[in-house]
């Protein structure tokens, strides 16, 4: 997949992670979007590095999506724990 595909996947993974973890985010829409993109890259990297799963060339691979959504979810939880009170 190209870098543009990973960015698109990250945008969608961030939206899905936000749907799975509702509530106010400290960064709003832009912060959640950037976390989704970073989560897709992070999830893919962790999947390739420690789970011996090579990067897929197919955009519609369910394991690639699971890694991207999982990475986005973990980063969103960490972001809320670190900066959760910044929008009070």
Protein backbone atom coordinates (compact mmCIF):
# COMPACT_ATOMS: atom_id res chain seq x y z
CA UNK A 1 0.00 0.00 0.00
CA UNK A 2 1.15 3.52 -0.64
CA UNK A 3 1.50 6.25 1.95
CA UNK A 4 -1.76 7.81 0.73
CA UNK A 5 -3.55 4.50 1.32
CA UNK A 6 -2.21 4.39 4.89
CA UNK A 7 -3.42 7.94 5.49
CA UNK A 8 -6.89 7.12 4.19
CA UNK A 9 -6.91 3.93 6.23
CA UNK A 10 -5.84 5.97 9.27
CA UNK A 11 -8.66 8.46 8.79
CA UNK A 12 -11.20 5.66 8.64
CA UNK A 13 -9.58 3.74 11.50
CA UNK A 14 -9.62 6.88 13.65
CA UNK A 15 -13.33 7.34 12.97
CA UNK A 16 -14.03 3.72 13.88
CA UNK A 17 -11.91 3.97 17.05
CA UNK A 18 -13.80 7.16 17.98
CA UNK A 19 -17.08 5.32 17.43
CA UNK A 20 -15.90 2.50 19.72
CA UNK A 21 -14.76 4.98 22.37
CA UNK A 22 -17.35 7.77 22.49
CA UNK A 23 -16.99 10.93 24.52
CA UNK A 24 -15.15 14.22 24.36
CA UNK A 25 -11.63 14.18 23.05
CA UNK A 26 -9.11 16.75 24.20
CA UNK A 27 -7.99 17.45 20.63
CA UNK A 28 -11.36 17.55 18.92
CA UNK A 29 -11.86 16.40 15.34
CA UNK A 30 -8.39 17.36 14.12
CA UNK A 31 -6.63 15.66 17.03
CA UNK A 32 -8.71 12.50 16.63
CA UNK A 33 -7.95 12.44 12.90
CA UNK A 34 -4.22 12.76 13.48
CA UNK A 35 -4.37 10.07 16.16
CA UNK A 36 -6.16 7.82 13.68
CA UNK A 37 -3.43 8.29 11.08
CA UNK A 38 -0.68 7.74 13.66
CA UNK A 39 -2.56 4.71 14.98
CA UNK A 40 -2.73 3.13 11.54
CA UNK A 41 1.02 3.51 11.12
CA UNK A 42 1.70 2.34 14.68
CA UNK A 43 -0.64 -0.64 14.44
CA UNK A 44 0.86 -1.69 11.13
CA UNK A 45 4.39 -1.32 12.45
CA UNK A 46 3.66 -3.31 15.63
CA UNK A 47 1.92 -5.98 13.58
CA UNK A 48 4.90 -6.30 11.25
CA UNK A 49 7.57 -6.01 13.93
CA UNK A 50 6.34 -8.20 16.77
CA UNK A 51 3.56 -10.32 15.30
CA UNK A 52 5.57 -11.38 12.22
CA UNK A 53 2.88 -10.09 9.91
CA UNK A 54 4.19 -8.50 6.74
CA UNK A 55 2.67 -5.31 5.40
CA UNK A 56 -0.23 -6.15 3.14
CA UNK A 57 -0.38 -4.88 -0.40
CA UNK A 58 -4.16 -5.10 -0.28
CA UNK A 59 -6.15 -2.16 1.11
CA UNK A 60 -9.09 -4.41 2.00
CA UNK A 61 -7.15 -6.94 4.09
CA UNK A 62 -9.08 -7.47 7.37
CA UNK A 63 -5.90 -7.99 9.40
CA UNK A 64 -4.50 -4.68 8.18
CA UNK A 65 -7.73 -2.96 9.19
CA UNK A 66 -7.70 -4.65 12.59
CA UNK A 67 -4.12 -3.51 13.21
CA UNK A 68 -4.95 0.07 12.15
CA UNK A 69 -8.11 0.25 14.27
CA UNK A 70 -6.34 -1.34 17.24
CA UNK A 71 -3.45 1.10 16.97
CA UNK A 72 -5.85 4.05 16.73
CA UNK A 73 -7.85 2.82 19.70
CA UNK A 74 -4.74 2.40 21.87
CA UNK A 75 -3.40 5.85 20.93
CA UNK A 76 -6.81 7.45 21.54
CA UNK A 77 -7.03 5.89 25.02
CA UNK A 78 -3.46 7.00 25.81
CA UNK A 79 -4.19 10.51 24.53
CA UNK A 80 -7.29 10.76 26.73
CA UNK A 81 -5.36 9.54 29.76
CA UNK A 82 -2.57 12.06 29.22
CA UNK A 83 -4.55 15.10 28.11
CA UNK A 84 -8.14 14.32 29.15
CA UNK A 85 -8.66 17.40 31.32
CA UNK A 86 -7.36 19.99 28.86
CA UNK A 87 -10.84 20.92 27.49
CA UNK A 88 -12.73 21.30 30.77
